[in-house]
Amino acid sequence: MNIKTLGLPLAAAAFLALAGCSTPTVVTLQNGTQYLTKDMPKTKTKDGFFEFEDISGAKVKVKADEVTTIRQED
């Protein structure tokens, strides 16, 4: 077997392994707004914000004081 024959299955296996590591999370703000994220948001930054990417791919940055809950999606 050559590298081209092994490349596609190995790439597919790596993609599936990485996809299995994601943890869908719901971030709820005090005003009731909810964001569904692909992964757990980064911890609070030094300037007091949470940064994450929602499921549509948009980058979101919210003040930690505005966040009510961060929980894993059921």
Protein backbone atom coordinates (compact mmCIF):
# COMPACT_ATOMS: atom_id res chain seq x y z
CA MET A 1 0.00 0.00 0.00
CA ASN A 2 1.18 3.49 -0.71
CA ILE A 3 0.62 6.74 1.14
CA LYS A 4 -2.27 7.87 -1.09
CA THR A 5 -4.18 4.69 -0.29
CA LEU A 6 -3.71 5.13 3.45
CA GLY A 7 -4.10 8.91 3.54
CA LEU A 8 -7.86 9.20 3.12
CA PRO A 9 -8.86 6.58 5.71
CA LEU A 10 -6.36 7.97 8.22
CA ALA A 11 -7.64 11.52 7.68
CA ALA A 12 -11.24 10.35 8.11
CA ALA A 13 -10.36 8.49 11.32
CA ALA A 14 -8.57 11.55 12.72
CA PHE A 15 -11.55 13.77 11.88
CA LEU A 16 -13.99 11.41 13.59
CA ALA A 17 -11.76 11.14 16.65
CA LEU A 18 -11.60 14.93 16.98
CA ALA A 19 -15.32 15.32 16.40
CA GLY A 20 -15.98 12.91 19.24
CA CYS A 21 -14.05 15.13 21.64
CA SER A 22 -16.35 18.12 21.33
CA THR A 23 -18.77 18.85 24.16
CA PRO A 24 -21.84 20.84 23.09
CA THR A 25 -22.48 23.46 25.77
CA VAL A 26 -25.28 25.94 26.52
CA VAL A 27 -24.24 29.36 27.83
CA THR A 28 -27.15 31.26 29.41
CA LEU A 29 -26.96 34.99 30.08
CA GLN A 30 -28.87 36.93 32.75
CA ASN A 31 -31.19 38.42 30.13
CA GLY A 32 -32.26 34.91 29.02
CA THR A 33 -30.16 34.75 25.85
CA GLN A 34 -28.76 31.28 25.24
CA TYR A 35 -25.81 30.34 23.07
CA LEU A 36 -25.18 26.78 21.90
CA THR A 37 -21.46 26.20 21.50
CA LYS A 38 -19.43 23.39 19.96
CA ASP A 39 -17.11 23.13 22.95
CA MET A 40 -16.85 24.31 26.53
CA PRO A 41 -16.03 28.05 26.52
CA LYS A 42 -12.56 29.19 27.44
CA THR A 43 -12.18 30.12 31.06
CA LYS A 44 -12.69 33.72 32.05
CA THR A 45 -9.97 35.96 30.62
CA LYS A 46 -7.95 38.46 32.62
CA ASP A 47 -10.24 41.27 31.44
CA GLY A 48 -13.35 39.46 32.80
CA PHE A 49 -14.86 37.99 29.62
CA PHE A 50 -15.79 34.53 28.36
CA GLU A 51 -14.88 33.87 24.72
CA PHE A 52 -16.41 31.10 22.63
CA GLU A 53 -17.66 30.19 19.17
CA ASP A 54 -21.35 29.40 18.72
CA ILE A 55 -22.58 26.59 16.48
CA SER A 56 -22.92 28.92 13.49
CA GLY A 57 -19.22 29.76 13.77
CA ALA A 58 -19.65 33.30 15.12
CA LYS A 59 -17.14 34.41 17.76
CA VAL A 60 -18.86 35.59 20.93
CA LYS A 61 -17.34 37.53 23.83
CA VAL A 62 -19.50 38.26 26.88
CA LYS A 63 -18.77 39.76 30.28
CA ALA A 64 -18.45 37.09 32.94
CA ASP A 65 -20.88 39.06 35.14
CA GLU A 66 -23.62 38.56 32.51
CA VAL A 67 -23.25 34.75 32.41
CA THR A 68 -25.75 32.87 34.55
CA THR A 69 -24.93 29.24 33.70
CA ILE A 70 -22.62 27.18 31.52
CA ARG A 71 -23.77 23.59 31.19
CA GLN A 72 -23.23 20.66 28.89
CA GLU A 73 -26.02 19.99 26.39
CA ASP A 74 -28.03 16.85 27.15
